[in-house]
Amino acid sequence: MGLTEPGAGSDALSLRTRARRDGDNYILNGAKTFISNAPIADIALIYATTDPALGASGLCAFIVEKDFPGYQVGRKLSKMGLRSSPTGEIILEDCRVPVE
């Protein structure tokens, strides 16, 4: 689940990741951090804001596959506990997510 962001933590109303509709796709831009299984996941549930002025009503969740254009796995992060689950970053640069 991609909610936590640099500078925003897990405060959903402070997310900087943005999503905008472009025809049959949404375009996502932003970064997520401390995401469990990010280095090995095939699919991620990414939270993004479509319109910051709408507050919580502008928040949406997107199912994003690792092969979608613009989806990148960032650094694998070191941690002290639970080493059985790798933690890392997800970077979205003009990531195209189909509407359907």
PDB file of N, CA and C in Angstrom:
ATOM      1  N   MET A   1       0.849  -1.172   0.000  1.00  0.00           N
ATOM      2  CA  MET A   1       0.000   0.000   0.000  1.00  0.00           C
ATOM      3  C   MET A   1       0.892   1.231   0.000  1.00  0.00           C
ATOM      4  N   GLY A   2       0.744   2.089  -0.985  1.00  0.00           N
ATOM      5  CA  GLY A   2       1.565   3.283  -1.131  1.00  0.00           C
ATOM      6  C   GLY A   2       0.880   4.528  -0.615  1.00  0.00           C
ATOM      7  N   LEU A   3       1.039   4.793   0.678  1.00  0.00           N
ATOM      8  CA  LEU A   3       0.467   5.997   1.268  1.00  0.00           C
ATOM      9  C   LEU A   3       1.567   6.932   1.762  1.00  0.00           C
ATOM     10  N   THR A   4       2.549   6.409   2.490  1.00  0.00           N
ATOM     11  CA  THR A   4       3.579   7.223   3.134  1.00  0.00           C
ATOM     12  C   THR A   4       4.449   7.942   2.110  1.00  0.00           C
ATOM     13  N   GLU A   5       4.672   9.234   2.365  1.00  0.00           N
ATOM     14  CA  GLU A   5       5.474  10.062   1.456  1.00  0.00           C
ATOM     15  C   GLU A   5       6.539  10.827   2.226  1.00  0.00           C
ATOM     16  N   PRO A   6       7.646  11.153   1.547  1.00  0.00           N
ATOM     17  CA  PRO A   6       8.643  12.013   2.181  1.00  0.00           C
ATOM     18  C   PRO A   6       8.002  13.359   2.533  1.00  0.00           C
ATOM     19  N   GLY A   7       8.163  13.804   3.755  1.00  0.00           N
ATOM     20  CA  GLY A   7       7.638  15.102   4.166  1.00  0.00           C
ATOM     21  C   GLY A   7       6.180  15.102   4.589  1.00  0.00           C
ATOM     22  N   ALA A   8       5.433  14.050   4.264  1.00  0.00           N
ATOM     23  CA  ALA A   8       4.014  13.998   4.628  1.00  0.00           C
ATOM     24  C   ALA A   8       3.718  12.851   5.583  1.00  0.00           C
ATOM     25  N   GLY A   9       4.618  11.886   5.650  1.00  0.00           N
ATOM     26  CA  GLY A   9       4.360  10.709   6.473  1.00  0.00           C
ATOM     27  C   GLY A   9       3.130   9.982   5.956  1.00  0.00           C
ATOM     28  N   SER A  10       2.271   9.563   6.869  1.00  0.00           N
ATOM     29  CA  SER A  10       1.050   8.862   6.460  1.00  0.00           C
ATOM     30  C   SER A  10      -0.187   9.747   6.604  1.00  0.00           C
ATOM     31  N   ASP A  11       0.019  11.060   6.629  1.00  0.00           N
ATOM     32  CA  ASP A  11      -1.091  12.018   6.677  1.00  0.00           C
ATOM     33  C   ASP A  11      -1.690  12.131   5.276  1.00  0.00           C
ATOM     34  N   ALA A  12      -2.800  11.456   5.060  1.00  0.00           N
ATOM     35  CA  ALA A  12      -3.394  11.376   3.721  1.00  0.00           C
ATOM     36  C   ALA A  12      -3.758  12.737   3.137  1.00  0.00           C
ATOM     37  N   LEU A  13      -4.099  13.701   3.971  1.00  0.00           N
ATOM     38  CA  LEU A  13      -4.484  15.017   3.450  1.00  0.00           C
ATOM     39  C   LEU A  13      -3.281  15.881   3.086  1.00  0.00           C
ATOM     40  N   SER A  14      -2.077  15.403   3.395  1.00  0.00           N
ATOM     41  CA  SER A  14      -0.865  16.146   3.036  1.00  0.00           C
ATOM     42  C   SER A  14      -0.118  15.514   1.865  1.00  0.00           C
ATOM     43  N   LEU A  15      -0.734  14.546   1.203  1.00  0.00           N
ATOM     44  CA  LEU A  15      -0.064  13.869   0.094  1.00  0.00           C
ATOM     45  C   LEU A  15       0.306  14.839  -1.014  1.00  0.00           C
ATOM     46  N   ARG A  16       1.479  14.626  -1.580  1.00  0.00           N
ATOM     47  CA  ARG A  16       1.930  15.438  -2.716  1.00  0.00           C
ATOM     48  C   ARG A  16       1.789  14.694  -4.039  1.00  0.00           C
ATOM     49  N   THR A  17       1.563  13.392  -3.976  1.00  0.00           N
ATOM     50  CA  THR A  17       1.368  12.626  -5.204  1.00  0.00           C
ATOM     51  C   THR A  17       0.059  13.065  -5.839  1.00  0.00           C
ATOM     52  N   ARG A  18       0.139  13.398  -7.110  1.00  0.00           N
ATOM     53  CA  ARG A  18      -1.018  13.923  -7.840  1.00  0.00           C
ATOM     54  C   ARG A  18      -1.424  12.968  -8.953  1.00  0.00           C
ATOM     55  N   ALA A  19      -2.714  12.968  -9.242  1.00  0.00           N
ATOM     56  CA  ALA A  19      -3.272  12.190 -10.345  1.00  0.00           C
ATOM     57  C   ALA A  19      -4.166  13.108 -11.163  1.00  0.00           C
ATOM     58  N   ARG A  20      -3.999  13.055 -12.470  1.00  0.00           N
ATOM     59  CA  ARG A  20      -4.879  13.839 -13.347  1.00  0.00           C
ATOM     60  C   ARG A  20      -5.360  12.932 -14.472  1.00  0.00           C
ATOM     61  N   ARG A  21      -6.601  13.141 -14.860  1.00  0.00           N
ATOM     62  CA  ARG A  21      -7.195  12.343 -15.932  1.00  0.00           C
ATOM     63  C   ARG A  21      -6.666  12.827 -17.269  1.00  0.00           C
ATOM     64  N   ASP A  22      -6.306  11.870 -18.135  1.00  0.00           N
ATOM     65  CA  ASP A  22      -5.837  12.163 -19.488  1.00  0.00           C
ATOM     66  C   ASP A  22      -6.441  11.109 -20.414  1.00  0.00           C
ATOM     67  N   GLY A  23      -7.620  11.389 -20.930  1.00  0.00           N
ATOM     68  CA  GLY A  23      -8.306  10.428 -21.792  1.00  0.00           C
ATOM     69  C   GLY A  23      -8.679   9.170 -21.034  1.00  0.00           C
ATOM     70  N   ASP A  24      -8.170   8.030 -21.495  1.00  0.00           N
ATOM     71  CA  ASP A  24      -8.470   6.742 -20.875  1.00  0.00           C
ATOM     72  C   ASP A  24      -7.474   6.356 -19.787  1.00  0.00           C
ATOM     73  N   ASN A  25      -6.664   7.315 -19.338  1.00  0.00           N
ATOM     74  CA  ASN A  25      -5.650   7.061 -18.316  1.00  0.00           C
ATOM     75  C   ASN A  25      -5.674   8.136 -17.247  1.00  0.00           C
ATOM     76  N   TYR A  26      -5.094   7.791 -16.108  1.00  0.00           N
ATOM     77  CA  TYR A  26      -4.708   8.786 -15.110  1.00  0.00           C
ATOM     78  C   TYR A  26      -3.191   8.883 -15.172  1.00  0.00           C
ATOM     79  N   ILE A  27      -2.664  10.078 -15.008  1.00  0.00           N
ATOM     80  CA  ILE A  27      -1.222  10.301 -14.968  1.00  0.00           C
ATOM     81  C   ILE A  27      -0.857  10.595 -13.518  1.00  0.00           C
ATOM     82  N   LEU A  28       0.012   9.770 -12.938  1.00  0.00           N
ATOM     83  CA  LEU A  28       0.424   9.925 -11.544  1.00  0.00           C
ATOM     84  C   LEU A  28       1.851  10.446 -11.469  1.00  0.00           C
ATOM     85  N   ASN A  29       2.068  11.401 -10.579  1.00  0.00           N
ATOM     86  CA  ASN A  29       3.397  11.950 -10.320  1.00  0.00           C
ATOM     87  C   ASN A  29       3.587  12.093  -8.820  1.00  0.00           C
ATOM     88  N   GLY A  30       4.690  11.557  -8.316  1.00  0.00           N
ATOM     89  CA  GLY A  30       4.995  11.671  -6.895  1.00  0.00           C
ATOM     90  C   GLY A  30       5.943  10.577  -6.454  1.00  0.00           C
ATOM     91  N   ALA A  31       6.150  10.489  -5.142  1.00  0.00           N
ATOM     92  CA  ALA A  31       7.052   9.487  -4.570  1.00  0.00           C
ATOM     93  C   ALA A  31       6.454   8.944  -3.281  1.00  0.00           C
ATOM     94  N   LYS A  32       6.689   7.678  -3.049  1.00  0.00           N
ATOM     95  CA  LYS A  32       6.253   7.004  -1.826  1.00  0.00           C
ATOM     96  C   LYS A  32       7.487   6.419  -1.150  1.00  0.00           C
ATOM     97  N   THR A  33       7.461   6.348   0.175  1.00  0.00           N
ATOM     98  CA  THR A  33       8.601   5.811   0.908  1.00  0.00           C
ATOM     99  C   THR A  33       8.126   4.896   2.031  1.00  0.00           C
ATOM    100  N   PHE A  34       9.032   4.064   2.530  1.00  0.00           N
ATOM    101  CA  PHE A  34       8.729   3.077   3.572  1.00  0.00           C
ATOM    102  C   PHE A  34       7.576   2.165   3.156  1.00  0.00           C
ATOM    103  N   ILE A  35       7.604   1.720   1.900  1.00  0.00           N
ATOM    104  CA  ILE A  35       6.539   0.871   1.369  1.00  0.00           C
ATOM    105  C   ILE A  35       6.961  -0.594   1.492  1.00  0.00           C
ATOM    106  N   SER A  36       6.207  -1.356   2.264  1.00  0.00           N
ATOM    107  CA  SER A  36       6.498  -2.781   2.440  1.00  0.00           C
ATOM    108  C   SER A  36       6.413  -3.502   1.107  1.00  0.00           C
ATOM    109  N   ASN A  37       7.400  -4.328   0.840  1.00  0.00           N
ATOM    110  CA  ASN A  37       7.496  -5.163  -0.361  1.00  0.00           C
ATOM    111  C   ASN A  37       7.673  -4.380  -1.661  1.00  0.00           C
ATOM    112  N   ALA A  38       7.913  -3.085  -1.609  1.00  0.00           N
ATOM    113  CA  ALA A  38       8.093  -2.297  -2.839  1.00  0.00           C
ATOM    114  C   ALA A  38       9.148  -2.895  -3.771  1.00  0.00           C
ATOM    115  N   PRO A  39      10.288  -3.378  -3.262  1.00  0.00           N
ATOM    116  CA  PRO A  39      11.305  -3.906  -4.173  1.00  0.00           C
ATOM    117  C   PRO A  39      10.897  -5.181  -4.913  1.00  0.00           C
ATOM    118  N   ILE A  40       9.876  -5.897  -4.427  1.00  0.00           N
ATOM    119  CA  ILE A  40       9.516  -7.181  -5.043  1.00  0.00           C
ATOM    120  C   ILE A  40       8.070  -7.256  -5.527  1.00  0.00           C
ATOM    121  N   ALA A  41       7.271  -6.245  -5.255  1.00  0.00           N
ATOM    122  CA  ALA A  41       5.839  -6.296  -5.579  1.00  0.00           C
ATOM    123  C   ALA A  41       5.579  -6.158  -7.080  1.00  0.00           C
ATOM    124  N   ASP A  42       4.604  -6.895  -7.571  1.00  0.00           N
ATOM    125  CA  ASP A  42       4.160  -6.770  -8.962  1.00  0.00           C
ATOM    126  C   ASP A  42       3.097  -5.691  -9.105  1.00  0.00           C
ATOM    127  N   ILE A  43       2.369  -5.425  -8.015  1.00  0.00           N
ATOM    128  CA  ILE A  43       1.258  -4.470  -8.015  1.00  0.00           C
ATOM    129  C   ILE A  43       1.334  -3.641  -6.734  1.00  0.00           C
ATOM    130  N   ALA A  44       0.982  -2.366  -6.841  1.00  0.00           N
ATOM    131  CA  ALA A  44       0.934  -1.499  -5.659  1.00  0.00           C
ATOM    132  C   ALA A  44      -0.389  -0.742  -5.648  1.00  0.00           C
ATOM    133  N   LEU A  45      -0.926  -0.540  -4.468  1.00  0.00           N
ATOM    134  CA  LEU A  45      -2.096   0.316  -4.283  1.00  0.00           C
ATOM    135  C   LEU A  45      -1.554   1.688  -3.904  1.00  0.00           C
ATOM    136  N   ILE A  46      -1.702   2.654  -4.808  1.00  0.00           N
ATOM    137  CA  ILE A  46      -1.107   3.981  -4.640  1.00  0.00           C
ATOM    138  C   ILE A  46      -2.202   5.003  -4.369  1.00  0.00           C
ATOM    139  N   TYR A  47      -2.008   5.784  -3.316  1.00  0.00           N
ATOM    140  CA  TYR A  47      -2.936   6.868  -2.995  1.00  0.00           C
ATOM    141  C   TYR A  47      -2.409   8.166  -3.582  1.00  0.00           C
ATOM    142  N   ALA A  48      -3.305   8.915  -4.229  1.00  0.00           N
ATOM    143  CA  ALA A  48      -2.948  10.187  -4.854  1.00  0.00           C
ATOM    144  C   ALA A  48      -4.125  11.146  -4.741  1.00  0.00           C
ATOM    145  N   THR A  49      -3.825  12.419  -4.887  1.00  0.00           N
ATOM    146  CA  THR A  49      -4.841  13.464  -4.824  1.00  0.00           C
ATOM    147  C   THR A  49      -5.175  13.921  -6.237  1.00  0.00           C
ATOM    148  N   THR A  50      -6.462  13.944  -6.553  1.00  0.00           N
ATOM    149  CA  THR A  50      -6.887  14.432  -7.864  1.00  0.00           C
ATOM    150  C   THR A  50      -7.115  15.937  -7.840  1.00  0.00           C
ATOM    151  N   ASP A  51      -7.561  16.452  -6.690  1.00  0.00           N
ATOM    152  CA  ASP A  51      -7.803  17.889  -6.537  1.00  0.00           C
ATOM    153  C   ASP A  51      -7.626  18.263  -5.067  1.00  0.00           C
ATOM    154  N   PRO A  52      -6.497  18.911  -4.712  1.00  0.00           N
ATOM    155  CA  PRO A  52      -6.242  19.247  -3.307  1.00  0.00           C
ATOM    156  C   PRO A  52      -7.336  20.109  -2.679  1.00  0.00           C
ATOM    157  N   ALA A  53      -8.034  20.908  -3.472  1.00  0.00           N
ATOM    158  CA  ALA A  53      -9.087  21.779  -2.944  1.00  0.00           C
ATOM    159  C   ALA A  53     -10.270  20.980  -2.393  1.00  0.00           C
ATOM    160  N   LEU A  54     -10.411  19.729  -2.806  1.00  0.00           N
ATOM    161  CA  LEU A  54     -11.523  18.887  -2.355  1.00  0.00           C
ATOM    162  C   LEU A  54     -11.254  18.190  -1.026  1.00  0.00           C
ATOM    163  N   GLY A  55     -10.052  18.341  -0.487  1.00  0.00           N
ATOM    164  CA  GLY A  55      -9.713  17.673   0.766  1.00  0.00           C
ATOM    165  C   GLY A  55      -9.794  16.167   0.622  1.00  0.00           C
ATOM    166  N   ALA A  56     -10.420  15.497   1.587  1.00  0.00           N
ATOM    167  CA  ALA A  56     -10.517  14.038   1.573  1.00  0.00           C
ATOM    168  C   ALA A  56     -11.288  13.521   0.360  1.00  0.00           C
ATOM    169  N   SER A  57     -12.205  14.298  -0.164  1.00  0.00           N
ATOM    170  CA  SER A  57     -12.974  13.874  -1.342  1.00  0.00           C
ATOM    171  C   SER A  57     -12.121  13.821  -2.603  1.00  0.00           C
ATOM    172  N   GLY A  58     -10.968  14.468  -2.597  1.00  0.00           N
ATOM    173  CA  GLY A  58     -10.070  14.453  -3.750  1.00  0.00           C
ATOM    174  C   GLY A  58      -9.054  13.332  -3.710  1.00  0.00           C
ATOM    175  N   LEU A  59      -9.116  12.497  -2.679  1.00  0.00           N
ATOM    176  CA  LEU A  59      -8.181  11.389  -2.515  1.00  0.00           C
ATOM    177  C   LEU A  59      -8.682  10.167  -3.267  1.00  0.00           C
ATOM    178  N   CYS A  60      -7.803   9.511  -4.016  1.00  0.00           N
ATOM    179  CA  CYS A  60      -8.170   8.311  -4.769  1.00  0.00           C
ATOM    180  C   CYS A  60      -7.090   7.254  -4.607  1.00  0.00           C
ATOM    181  N   ALA A  61      -7.485   6.000  -4.725  1.00  0.00           N
ATOM    182  CA  ALA A  61      -6.544   4.883  -4.708  1.00  0.00           C
ATOM    183  C   ALA A  61      -6.476   4.296  -6.112  1.00  0.00           C
ATOM    184  N   PHE A  62      -5.268   3.960  -6.549  1.00  0.00           N
ATOM    185  CA  PHE A  62      -5.039   3.430  -7.887  1.00  0.00           C
ATOM    186  C   PHE A  62      -4.284   2.114  -7.783  1.00  0.00           C
ATOM    187  N   ILE A  63      -4.706   1.133  -8.558  1.00  0.00           N
ATOM    188  CA  ILE A  63      -3.965  -0.118  -8.655  1.00  0.00           C
ATOM    189  C   ILE A  63      -2.945   0.067  -9.770  1.00  0.00           C
ATOM    190  N   VAL A  64      -1.663   0.013  -9.392  1.00  0.00           N
ATOM    191  CA  VAL A  64      -0.580   0.307 -10.331  1.00  0.00           C
ATOM    192  C   VAL A  64       0.308  -0.927 -10.470  1.00  0.00           C
ATOM    193  N   GLU A  65       0.483  -1.384 -11.698  1.00  0.00           N
ATOM    194  CA  GLU A  65       1.350  -2.532 -11.960  1.00  0.00           C
ATOM    195  C   GLU A  65       2.775  -2.052 -12.193  1.00  0.00           C
ATOM    196  N   LYS A  66       3.741  -2.883 -11.794  1.00  0.00           N
ATOM    197  CA  LYS A  66       5.145  -2.479 -11.890  1.00  0.00           C
ATOM    198  C   LYS A  66       5.590  -2.240 -13.333  1.00  0.00           C
ATOM    199  N   ASP A  67       4.875  -2.784 -14.304  1.00  0.00           N
ATOM    200  CA  ASP A  67       5.252  -2.615 -15.708  1.00  0.00           C
ATOM    201  C   ASP A  67       4.614  -1.400 -16.370  1.00  0.00           C
ATOM    202  N   PHE A  68       3.792  -0.647 -15.646  1.00  0.00           N
ATOM    203  CA  PHE A  68       3.194   0.558 -16.223  1.00  0.00           C
ATOM    204  C   PHE A  68       4.291   1.578 -16.507  1.00  0.00           C
ATOM    205  N   PRO A  69       4.218   2.258 -17.653  1.00  0.00           N
ATOM    206  CA  PRO A  69       5.215   3.290 -17.961  1.00  0.00           C
ATOM    207  C   PRO A  69       5.235   4.365 -16.873  1.00  0.00           C
ATOM    208  N   GLY A  70       6.431   4.725 -16.415  1.00  0.00           N
ATOM    209  CA  GLY A  70       6.583   5.769 -15.406  1.00  0.00           C
ATOM    210  C   GLY A  70       6.643   5.266 -13.977  1.00  0.00           C
ATOM    211  N   TYR A  71       6.505   3.952 -13.775  1.00  0.00           N
ATOM    212  CA  TYR A  71       6.600   3.350 -12.435  1.00  0.00           C
ATOM    213  C   TYR A  71       8.029   2.879 -12.216  1.00  0.00           C
ATOM    214  N   GLN A  72       8.636   3.320 -11.128  1.00  0.00           N
ATOM    215  CA  GLN A  72      10.003   2.910 -10.810  1.00  0.00           C
ATOM    216  C   GLN A  72      10.094   2.520  -9.344  1.00  0.00           C
ATOM    217  N   VAL A  73      10.886   1.510  -9.076  1.00  0.00           N
ATOM    218  CA  VAL A  73      11.204   1.166  -7.696  1.00  0.00           C
ATOM    219  C   VAL A  73      12.464   1.935  -7.341  1.00  0.00           C
ATOM    220  N   GLY A  74      12.401   2.689  -6.254  1.00  0.00           N
ATOM    221  CA  GLY A  74      13.554   3.463  -5.795  1.00  0.00           C
ATOM    222  C   GLY A  74      14.456   2.616  -4.909  1.00  0.00           C
ATOM    223  N   ARG A  75      15.071   3.269  -3.945  1.00  0.00           N
ATOM    224  CA  ARG A  75      16.020   2.603  -3.048  1.00  0.00           C
ATOM    225  C   ARG A  75      15.339   1.542  -2.191  1.00  0.00           C
ATOM    226  N   LYS A  76      16.061   0.462  -1.941  1.00  0.00           N
ATOM    227  CA  LYS A  76      15.653  -0.501  -0.922  1.00  0.00           C
ATOM    228  C   LYS A  76      16.171   0.063   0.392  1.00  0.00           C
ATOM    229  N   LEU A  77      15.311   0.178   1.384  1.00  0.00           N
ATOM    230  CA  LEU A  77      15.662   0.821   2.647  1.00  0.00           C
ATOM    231  C   LEU A  77      16.081  -0.202   3.697  1.00  0.00           C
ATOM    232  N   SER A  78      17.102   0.155   4.464  1.00  0.00           N
ATOM    233  CA  SER A  78      17.546  -0.685   5.580  1.00  0.00           C
ATOM    234  C   SER A  78      16.659  -0.409   6.784  1.00  0.00           C
ATOM    235  N   LYS A  79      16.476  -1.430   7.594  1.00  0.00           N
ATOM    236  CA  LYS A  79      15.670  -1.251   8.803  1.00  0.00           C
ATOM    237  C   LYS A  79      16.155  -2.207   9.879  1.00  0.00           C
ATOM    238  N   MET A  80      15.767  -1.928  11.098  1.00  0.00           N
ATOM    239  CA  MET A  80      16.228  -2.736  12.225  1.00  0.00           C
ATOM    240  C   MET A  80      15.378  -3.991  12.427  1.00  0.00           C
ATOM    241  N   GLY A  81      14.093  -3.924  12.172  1.00  0.00           N
ATOM    242  CA  GLY A  81      13.213  -5.053  12.441  1.00  0.00           C
ATOM    243  C   GLY A  81      12.594  -5.626  11.183  1.00  0.00           C
ATOM    244  N   LEU A  82      11.857  -6.688  11.334  1.00  0.00           N
ATOM    245  CA  LEU A  82      11.119  -7.391  10.274  1.00  0.00           C
ATOM    246  C   LEU A  82      11.870  -7.425   8.946  1.00  0.00           C
ATOM    247  N   ARG A  83      12.941  -8.152   8.928  1.00  0.00           N
ATOM    248  CA  ARG A  83      13.768  -8.250   7.722  1.00  0.00           C
ATOM    249  C   ARG A  83      13.180  -9.210   6.684  1.00  0.00           C
ATOM    250  N   SER A  84      12.106  -9.901   7.035  1.00  0.00           N
ATOM    251  CA  SER A  84      11.493 -10.841   6.093  1.00  0.00           C
ATOM    252  C   SER A  84      10.712 -10.133   4.995  1.00  0.00           C
ATOM    253  N   SER A  85      10.439  -8.858   5.171  1.00  0.00           N
ATOM    254  CA  SER A  85       9.678  -8.073   4.196  1.00  0.00           C
ATOM    255  C   SER A  85      10.514  -6.863   3.778  1.00  0.00           C
ATOM    256  N   PRO A  86      10.997  -6.829   2.519  1.00  0.00           N
ATOM    257  CA  PRO A  86      11.812  -5.686   2.100  1.00  0.00           C
ATOM    258  C   PRO A  86      10.979  -4.406   2.011  1.00  0.00           C
ATOM    259  N   THR A  87      11.594  -3.308   2.367  1.00  0.00           N
ATOM    260  CA  THR A  87      10.928  -2.008   2.358  1.00  0.00           C
ATOM    261  C   THR A  87      11.665  -1.098   1.391  1.00  0.00           C
ATOM    262  N   GLY A  88      10.931  -0.277   0.647  1.00  0.00           N
ATOM    263  CA  GLY A  88      11.593   0.592  -0.316  1.00  0.00           C
ATOM    264  C   GLY A  88      10.748   1.775  -0.726  1.00  0.00           C
ATOM    265  N   GLU A  89      11.202   2.403  -1.794  1.00  0.00           N
ATOM    266  CA  GLU A  89      10.544   3.588  -2.341  1.00  0.00           C
ATOM    267  C   GLU A  89       9.888   3.253  -3.674  1.00  0.00           C
ATOM    268  N   ILE A  90       8.854   4.000  -3.995  1.00  0.00           N
ATOM    269  CA  ILE A  90       8.212   3.933  -5.311  1.00  0.00           C
ATOM    270  C   ILE A  90       8.211   5.343  -5.877  1.00  0.00           C
ATOM    271  N   ILE A  91       8.651   5.460  -7.122  1.00  0.00           N
ATOM    272  CA  ILE A  91       8.708   6.757  -7.791  1.00  0.00           C
ATOM    273  C   ILE A  91       7.773   6.711  -8.995  1.00  0.00           C
ATOM    274  N   LEU A  92       6.926   7.713  -9.105  1.00  0.00           N
ATOM    275  CA  LEU A  92       5.953   7.799 -10.200  1.00  0.00           C
ATOM    276  C   LEU A  92       6.247   9.058 -11.002  1.00  0.00           C
ATOM    277  N   GLU A  93       6.675   8.869 -12.238  1.00  0.00           N
ATOM    278  CA  GLU A  93       6.977   9.998 -13.123  1.00  0.00           C
ATOM    279  C   GLU A  93       6.135   9.861 -14.384  1.00  0.00           C
ATOM    280  N   ASP A  94       5.061  10.620 -14.448  1.00  0.00           N
ATOM    281  CA  ASP A  94       4.115  10.511 -15.560  1.00  0.00           C
ATOM    282  C   ASP A  94       3.684   9.060 -15.758  1.00  0.00           C
ATOM    283  N   CYS A  95       3.392   8.395 -14.654  1.00  0.00           N
ATOM    284  CA  CYS A  95       2.970   6.996 -14.686  1.00  0.00           C
ATOM    285  C   CYS A  95       1.536   6.913 -15.198  1.00  0.00           C
ATOM    286  N   ARG A  96       1.359   6.159 -16.271  1.00  0.00           N
ATOM    287  CA  ARG A  96       0.054   6.037 -16.914  1.00  0.00           C
ATOM    288  C   ARG A  96      -0.697   4.832 -16.341  1.00  0.00           C
ATOM    289  N   VAL A  97      -1.857   5.117 -15.745  1.00  0.00           N
ATOM    290  CA  VAL A  97      -2.696   4.083 -15.141  1.00  0.00           C
ATOM    291  C   VAL A  97      -4.037   4.083 -15.873  1.00  0.00           C
ATOM    292  N   PRO A  98      -4.398   2.963 -16.508  1.00  0.00           N
ATOM    293  CA  PRO A  98      -5.677   2.919 -17.220  1.00  0.00           C
ATOM    294  C   PRO A  98      -6.855   3.194 -16.289  1.00  0.00           C
ATOM    295  N   VAL A  99      -7.866   3.870 -16.810  1.00  0.00           N
ATOM    296  CA  VAL A  99      -9.056   4.201 -16.028  1.00  0.00           C
ATOM    297  C   VAL A  99      -9.784   2.936 -15.592  1.00  0.00           C
ATOM    298  N   GLU A 100      -9.874   1.944 -16.470  1.00  0.00           N
ATOM    299  CA  GLU A 100     -10.630   0.731 -16.137  1.00  0.00           C
ATOM    300  C   GLU A 100      -9.925  -0.200 -15.214  1.00  0.00           C
TER     301      GLU A 100
END
